[in-house]
Each structure stands twice: as C-alpha cells, then as structure tokens.
C-alpha cells in the first residue's frame, strides 16, 4: 500500500522515523504508562491527519514511522 500525497503538480511519499527516549533511558514506559503513551500518540496522529505505519512503545524508548 502506497501513501502517496498527490497535489496539482506533485506526487510525494514522505515518511519520518521518530524516536523518543526518557531521560537517562530509564525504563518508565511500562504498564499503564505505556498504554497511555500509545493512546496519546494515536490521538495526536489522528488530529494532525498523519498515518502511523509502524510503532512500538518499549520500556525505555518509543519508535514511530509516520507518513
């Protein structure tokens, strides 16, 4: 599945890899905190009309591939 954005004279397929890390890489993203972070990221992506192609909330980092 392609996520091309088509304009009057352009066609683009732009993806961004984002990584968030807590200070000192402390393993704080566990349990209900991880679920809340995941829900907030999904909500933010919907508000900004972005698609999350892949994502993972690990104990000490968050990875997102956005289109």
PDB file of N, CA and C in Angstrom:
ATOM      1  N   UNK A   1       0.836  -1.168   0.000  1.00  0.00           N
ATOM      2  CA  UNK A   1       0.000   0.000   0.000  1.00  0.00           C
ATOM      3  C   UNK A   1       0.887   1.239   0.000  1.00  0.00           C
ATOM      4  N   UNK A   2       0.677   2.084  -0.962  1.00  0.00           N
ATOM      5  CA  UNK A   2       1.443   3.326  -1.068  1.00  0.00           C
ATOM      6  C   UNK A   2       0.671   4.440  -0.383  1.00  0.00           C
ATOM      7  N   UNK A   3       1.390   5.371   0.220  1.00  0.00           N
ATOM      8  CA  UNK A   3       0.784   6.506   0.896  1.00  0.00           C
ATOM      9  C   UNK A   3       1.173   7.792   0.184  1.00  0.00           C
ATOM     10  N   UNK A   4       0.968   7.829  -1.130  1.00  0.00           N
ATOM     11  CA  UNK A   4       1.338   8.996  -1.907  1.00  0.00           C
ATOM     12  C   UNK A   4       0.362  10.136  -1.649  1.00  0.00           C
ATOM     13  N   UNK A   5       0.912  11.323  -1.529  1.00  0.00           N
ATOM     14  CA  UNK A   5       0.098  12.533  -1.487  1.00  0.00           C
ATOM     15  C   UNK A   5       0.206  13.164  -2.866  1.00  0.00           C
ATOM     16  N   UNK A   6      -0.921  13.404  -3.467  1.00  0.00           N
ATOM     17  CA  UNK A   6      -0.930  13.918  -4.826  1.00  0.00           C
ATOM     18  C   UNK A   6      -1.462  15.341  -4.807  1.00  0.00           C
ATOM     19  N   UNK A   7      -0.678  16.255  -5.362  1.00  0.00           N
ATOM     20  CA  UNK A   7      -1.066  17.644  -5.497  1.00  0.00           C
ATOM     21  C   UNK A   7      -1.287  17.964  -6.964  1.00  0.00           C
ATOM     22  N   UNK A   8      -1.524  19.238  -7.279  1.00  0.00           N
ATOM     23  CA  UNK A   8      -1.779  19.598  -8.672  1.00  0.00           C
ATOM     24  C   UNK A   8      -0.594  19.294  -9.601  1.00  0.00           C
ATOM     25  N   UNK A   9       0.641  19.434  -9.089  1.00  0.00           N
ATOM     26  CA  UNK A   9       1.817  19.201  -9.924  1.00  0.00           C
ATOM     27  C   UNK A   9       2.845  18.305  -9.254  1.00  0.00           C
ATOM     28  N   UNK A  10       2.463  17.662  -8.170  1.00  0.00           N
ATOM     29  CA  UNK A  10       3.442  16.865  -7.417  1.00  0.00           C
ATOM     30  C   UNK A  10       2.852  15.538  -6.975  1.00  0.00           C
ATOM     31  N   UNK A  11       3.744  14.620  -6.676  1.00  0.00           N
ATOM     32  CA  UNK A  11       3.369  13.341  -6.074  1.00  0.00           C
ATOM     33  C   UNK A  11       4.484  12.997  -5.098  1.00  0.00           C
ATOM     34  N   UNK A  12       4.159  12.880  -3.801  1.00  0.00           N
ATOM     35  CA  UNK A  12       5.180  12.641  -2.794  1.00  0.00           C
ATOM     36  C   UNK A  12       4.836  11.427  -1.936  1.00  0.00           C
ATOM     37  N   UNK A  13       5.871  10.807  -1.422  1.00  0.00           N
ATOM     38  CA  UNK A  13       5.734   9.697  -0.484  1.00  0.00           C
ATOM     39  C   UNK A  13       6.762   9.939   0.618  1.00  0.00           C
ATOM     40  N   UNK A  14       6.373  10.720   1.609  1.00  0.00           N
ATOM     41  CA  UNK A  14       7.299  11.150   2.652  1.00  0.00           C
ATOM     42  C   UNK A  14       7.036  10.358   3.934  1.00  0.00           C
ATOM     43  N   UNK A  15       8.093   9.774   4.478  1.00  0.00           N
ATOM     44  CA  UNK A  15       7.993   9.028   5.730  1.00  0.00           C
ATOM     45  C   UNK A  15       9.005   9.606   6.716  1.00  0.00           C
ATOM     46  N   UNK A  16       8.654   9.588   8.001  1.00  0.00           N
ATOM     47  CA  UNK A  16       9.519  10.112   9.039  1.00  0.00           C
ATOM     48  C   UNK A  16       9.652   9.080  10.146  1.00  0.00           C
ATOM     49  N   UNK A  17      10.884   8.833  10.581  1.00  0.00           N
ATOM     50  CA  UNK A  17      11.131   7.922  11.693  1.00  0.00           C
ATOM     51  C   UNK A  17      11.413   8.775  12.921  1.00  0.00           C
ATOM     52  N   UNK A  18      10.569   8.644  13.945  1.00  0.00           N
ATOM     53  CA  UNK A  18      10.715   9.416  15.177  1.00  0.00           C
ATOM     54  C   UNK A  18      11.057   8.481  16.326  1.00  0.00           C
ATOM     55  N   UNK A  19      11.971   8.925  17.182  1.00  0.00           N
ATOM     56  CA  UNK A  19      12.362   8.146  18.361  1.00  0.00           C
ATOM     57  C   UNK A  19      12.347   9.073  19.565  1.00  0.00           C
ATOM     58  N   UNK A  20      11.651   8.649  20.625  1.00  0.00           N
ATOM     59  CA  UNK A  20      11.646   9.381  21.885  1.00  0.00           C
ATOM     60  C   UNK A  20      12.277   8.496  22.948  1.00  0.00           C
ATOM     61  N   UNK A  21      13.119   9.108  23.789  1.00  0.00           N
ATOM     62  CA  UNK A  21      13.819   8.369  24.834  1.00  0.00           C
ATOM     63  C   UNK A  21      13.677   9.149  26.135  1.00  0.00           C
ATOM     64  N   UNK A  22      13.260   8.495  27.232  1.00  0.00           N
ATOM     65  CA  UNK A  22      13.216   9.182  28.525  1.00  0.00           C
ATOM     66  C   UNK A  22      14.627   9.558  28.982  1.00  0.00           C
ATOM     67  N   UNK A  23      14.705  10.542  29.861  1.00  0.00           N
ATOM     68  CA  UNK A  23      15.995  10.987  30.375  1.00  0.00           C
ATOM     69  C   UNK A  23      16.722   9.812  31.030  1.00  0.00           C
ATOM     70  N   UNK A  24      17.979   9.684  30.698  1.00  0.00           N
ATOM     71  CA  UNK A  24      18.859   8.611  31.186  1.00  0.00           C
ATOM     72  C   UNK A  24      18.355   7.219  30.789  1.00  0.00           C
ATOM     73  N   UNK A  25      17.460   7.161  29.807  1.00  0.00           N
ATOM     74  CA  UNK A  25      16.897   5.893  29.306  1.00  0.00           C
ATOM     75  C   UNK A  25      16.338   5.021  30.423  1.00  0.00           C
ATOM     76  N   UNK A  26      15.715   5.657  31.385  1.00  0.00           N
ATOM     77  CA  UNK A  26      15.106   4.902  32.479  1.00  0.00           C
ATOM     78  C   UNK A  26      13.899   4.132  31.953  1.00  0.00           C
ATOM     79  N   UNK A  27      13.693   2.892  32.404  1.00  0.00           N
ATOM     80  CA  UNK A  27      12.586   2.065  31.916  1.00  0.00           C
ATOM     81  C   UNK A  27      11.251   2.446  32.567  1.00  0.00           C
ATOM     82  N   UNK A  28      10.710   3.606  32.184  1.00  0.00           N
ATOM     83  CA  UNK A  28       9.476   4.096  32.800  1.00  0.00           C
ATOM     84  C   UNK A  28       8.245   3.820  31.950  1.00  0.00           C
ATOM     85  N   UNK A  29       8.417   3.384  30.708  1.00  0.00           N
ATOM     86  CA  UNK A  29       7.282   3.177  29.811  1.00  0.00           C
ATOM     87  C   UNK A  29       6.778   1.733  29.921  1.00  0.00           C
ATOM     88  N   UNK A  30       6.213   1.394  31.079  1.00  0.00           N
ATOM     89  CA  UNK A  30       5.698   0.051  31.331  1.00  0.00           C
ATOM     90  C   UNK A  30       4.277   0.159  31.884  1.00  0.00           C
ATOM     91  N   UNK A  31       3.519  -0.905  31.712  1.00  0.00           N
ATOM     92  CA  UNK A  31       2.173  -0.986  32.285  1.00  0.00           C
ATOM     93  C   UNK A  31       1.239   0.095  31.775  1.00  0.00           C
ATOM     94  N   UNK A  32       0.487   0.728  32.695  1.00  0.00           N
ATOM     95  CA  UNK A  32      -0.494   1.729  32.286  1.00  0.00           C
ATOM     96  C   UNK A  32       0.140   2.960  31.648  1.00  0.00           C
ATOM     97  N   UNK A  33       1.380   3.261  31.979  1.00  0.00           N
ATOM     98  CA  UNK A  33       2.058   4.410  31.364  1.00  0.00           C
ATOM     99  C   UNK A  33       2.270   4.142  29.871  1.00  0.00           C
ATOM    100  N   UNK A  34       2.687   2.941  29.518  1.00  0.00           N
ATOM    101  CA  UNK A  34       2.902   2.587  28.115  1.00  0.00           C
ATOM    102  C   UNK A  34       1.590   2.643  27.332  1.00  0.00           C
ATOM    103  N   UNK A  35       0.512   2.159  27.922  1.00  0.00           N
ATOM    104  CA  UNK A  35      -0.791   2.208  27.249  1.00  0.00           C
ATOM    105  C   UNK A  35      -1.240   3.650  27.034  1.00  0.00           C
ATOM    106  N   UNK A  36      -1.022   4.496  28.031  1.00  0.00           N
ATOM    107  CA  UNK A  36      -1.415   5.904  27.917  1.00  0.00           C
ATOM    108  C   UNK A  36      -0.590   6.616  26.846  1.00  0.00           C
ATOM    109  N   UNK A  37       0.711   6.346  26.790  1.00  0.00           N
ATOM    110  CA  UNK A  37       1.573   6.943  25.772  1.00  0.00           C
ATOM    111  C   UNK A  37       1.109   6.513  24.386  1.00  0.00           C
ATOM    112  N   UNK A  38       0.815   5.225  24.225  1.00  0.00           N
ATOM    113  CA  UNK A  38       0.349   4.718  22.932  1.00  0.00           C
ATOM    114  C   UNK A  38      -0.941   5.402  22.509  1.00  0.00           C
ATOM    115  N   UNK A  39      -1.896   5.544  23.434  1.00  0.00           N
ATOM    116  CA  UNK A  39      -3.159   6.195  23.112  1.00  0.00           C
ATOM    117  C   UNK A  39      -2.965   7.667  22.754  1.00  0.00           C
ATOM    118  N   UNK A  40      -2.075   8.357  23.474  1.00  0.00           N
ATOM    119  CA  UNK A  40      -1.810   9.766  23.185  1.00  0.00           C
ATOM    120  C   UNK A  40      -1.152   9.939  21.815  1.00  0.00           C
ATOM    121  N   UNK A  41      -0.243   9.041  21.450  1.00  0.00           N
ATOM    122  CA  UNK A  41       0.395   9.128  20.139  1.00  0.00           C
ATOM    123  C   UNK A  41      -0.609   8.880  19.016  1.00  0.00           C
ATOM    124  N   UNK A  42      -1.490   7.918  19.203  1.00  0.00           N
ATOM    125  CA  UNK A  42      -2.529   7.665  18.194  1.00  0.00           C
ATOM    126  C   UNK A  42      -3.461   8.856  18.054  1.00  0.00           C
ATOM    127  N   UNK A  43      -3.860   9.442  19.174  1.00  0.00           N
ATOM    128  CA  UNK A  43      -4.742  10.597  19.152  1.00  0.00           C
ATOM    129  C   UNK A  43      -4.068  11.781  18.453  1.00  0.00           C
ATOM    130  N   UNK A  44      -2.810  12.012  18.764  1.00  0.00           N
ATOM    131  CA  UNK A  44      -2.066  13.113  18.146  1.00  0.00           C
ATOM    132  C   UNK A  44      -1.932  12.905  16.640  1.00  0.00           C
ATOM    133  N   UNK A  45      -1.669  11.686  16.208  1.00  0.00           N
ATOM    134  CA  UNK A  45      -1.547  11.397  14.779  1.00  0.00           C
ATOM    135  C   UNK A  45      -2.874  11.634  14.061  1.00  0.00           C
ATOM    136  N   UNK A  46      -3.979  11.251  14.688  1.00  0.00           N
ATOM    137  CA  UNK A  46      -5.286  11.478  14.072  1.00  0.00           C
ATOM    138  C   UNK A  46      -5.585  12.970  13.958  1.00  0.00           C
ATOM    139  N   UNK A  47      -5.264  13.750  14.994  1.00  0.00           N
ATOM    140  CA  UNK A  47      -5.514  15.186  14.968  1.00  0.00           C
ATOM    141  C   UNK A  47      -4.701  15.880  13.889  1.00  0.00           C
ATOM    142  N   UNK A  48      -3.496  15.403  13.648  1.00  0.00           N
ATOM    143  CA  UNK A  48      -2.625  16.008  12.644  1.00  0.00           C
ATOM    144  C   UNK A  48      -2.777  15.366  11.265  1.00  0.00           C
ATOM    145  N   UNK A  49      -3.726  14.443  11.131  1.00  0.00           N
ATOM    146  CA  UNK A  49      -4.009  13.737   9.883  1.00  0.00           C
ATOM    147  C   UNK A  49      -2.760  13.042   9.340  1.00  0.00           C
ATOM    148  N   UNK A  50      -2.058  12.348  10.224  1.00  0.00           N
ATOM    149  CA  UNK A  50      -0.887  11.554   9.855  1.00  0.00           C
ATOM    150  C   UNK A  50      -1.205  10.083  10.069  1.00  0.00           C
ATOM    151  N   UNK A  51      -0.533   9.245   9.319  1.00  0.00           N
ATOM    152  CA  UNK A  51      -0.729   7.805   9.445  1.00  0.00           C
ATOM    153  C   UNK A  51       0.479   7.203  10.158  1.00  0.00           C
ATOM    154  N   UNK A  52       0.223   6.389  11.166  1.00  0.00           N
ATOM    155  CA  UNK A  52       1.292   5.656  11.843  1.00  0.00           C
ATOM    156  C   UNK A  52       1.452   4.335  11.104  1.00  0.00           C
ATOM    157  N   UNK A  53       2.556   4.194  10.376  1.00  0.00           N
ATOM    158  CA  UNK A  53       2.791   2.974   9.614  1.00  0.00           C
ATOM    159  C   UNK A  53       3.291   1.853  10.520  1.00  0.00           C
ATOM    160  N   UNK A  54       4.186   2.191  11.431  1.00  0.00           N
ATOM    161  CA  UNK A  54       4.682   1.238  12.422  1.00  0.00           C
ATOM    162  C   UNK A  54       4.990   1.999  13.692  1.00  0.00           C
ATOM    163  N   UNK A  55       4.891   1.303  14.807  1.00  0.00           N
ATOM    164  CA  UNK A  55       5.211   1.941  16.067  1.00  0.00           C
ATOM    165  C   UNK A  55       5.423   0.915  17.161  1.00  0.00           C
ATOM    166  N   UNK A  56       6.239   1.311  18.139  1.00  0.00           N
ATOM    167  CA  UNK A  56       6.483   0.430  19.266  1.00  0.00           C
ATOM    168  C   UNK A  56       6.805   1.273  20.488  1.00  0.00           C
ATOM    169  N   UNK A  57       6.160   0.939  21.593  1.00  0.00           N
ATOM    170  CA  UNK A  57       6.475   1.558  22.874  1.00  0.00           C
ATOM    171  C   UNK A  57       7.218   0.511  23.683  1.00  0.00           C
ATOM    172  N   UNK A  58       8.523   0.701  23.809  1.00  0.00           N
ATOM    173  CA  UNK A  58       9.360  -0.211  24.603  1.00  0.00           C
ATOM    174  C   UNK A  58       9.536   0.377  25.994  1.00  0.00           C
ATOM    175  N   UNK A  59      10.231  -0.345  26.877  1.00  0.00           N
ATOM    176  CA  UNK A  59      10.408   0.121  28.261  1.00  0.00           C
ATOM    177  C   UNK A  59      11.165   1.434  28.338  1.00  0.00           C
ATOM    178  N   UNK A  60      12.116   1.645  27.435  1.00  0.00           N
ATOM    179  CA  UNK A  60      12.961   2.825  27.525  1.00  0.00           C
ATOM    180  C   UNK A  60      13.017   3.657  26.248  1.00  0.00           C
ATOM    181  N   UNK A  61      12.090   3.432  25.309  1.00  0.00           N
ATOM    182  CA  UNK A  61      12.056   4.222  24.093  1.00  0.00           C
ATOM    183  C   UNK A  61      10.765   4.018  23.324  1.00  0.00           C
ATOM    184  N   UNK A  62      10.474   4.967  22.445  1.00  0.00           N
ATOM    185  CA  UNK A  62       9.301   4.896  21.581  1.00  0.00           C
ATOM    186  C   UNK A  62       9.778   5.101  20.146  1.00  0.00           C
ATOM    187  N   UNK A  63       9.381   4.204  19.240  1.00  0.00           N
ATOM    188  CA  UNK A  63       9.709   4.322  17.828  1.00  0.00           C
ATOM    189  C   UNK A  63       8.415   4.501  17.043  1.00  0.00           C
ATOM    190  N   UNK A  64       8.410   5.444  16.098  1.00  0.00           N
ATOM    191  CA  UNK A  64       7.260   5.661  15.232  1.00  0.00           C
ATOM    192  C   UNK A  64       7.740   5.857  13.800  1.00  0.00           C
ATOM    193  N   UNK A  65       7.036   5.261  12.858  1.00  0.00           N
ATOM    194  CA  UNK A  65       7.251   5.526  11.434  1.00  0.00           C
ATOM    195  C   UNK A  65       5.969   6.179  10.946  1.00  0.00           C
ATOM    196  N   UNK A  66       6.072   7.443  10.606  1.00  0.00           N
ATOM    197  CA  UNK A  66       4.910   8.245  10.221  1.00  0.00           C
ATOM    198  C   UNK A  66       4.925   8.526   8.728  1.00  0.00           C
ATOM    199  N   UNK A  67       3.724   8.610   8.162  1.00  0.00           N
ATOM    200  CA  UNK A  67       3.573   9.028   6.759  1.00  0.00           C
ATOM    201  C   UNK A  67       2.756  10.294   6.724  1.00  0.00           C
TER     202      UNK A  67
END
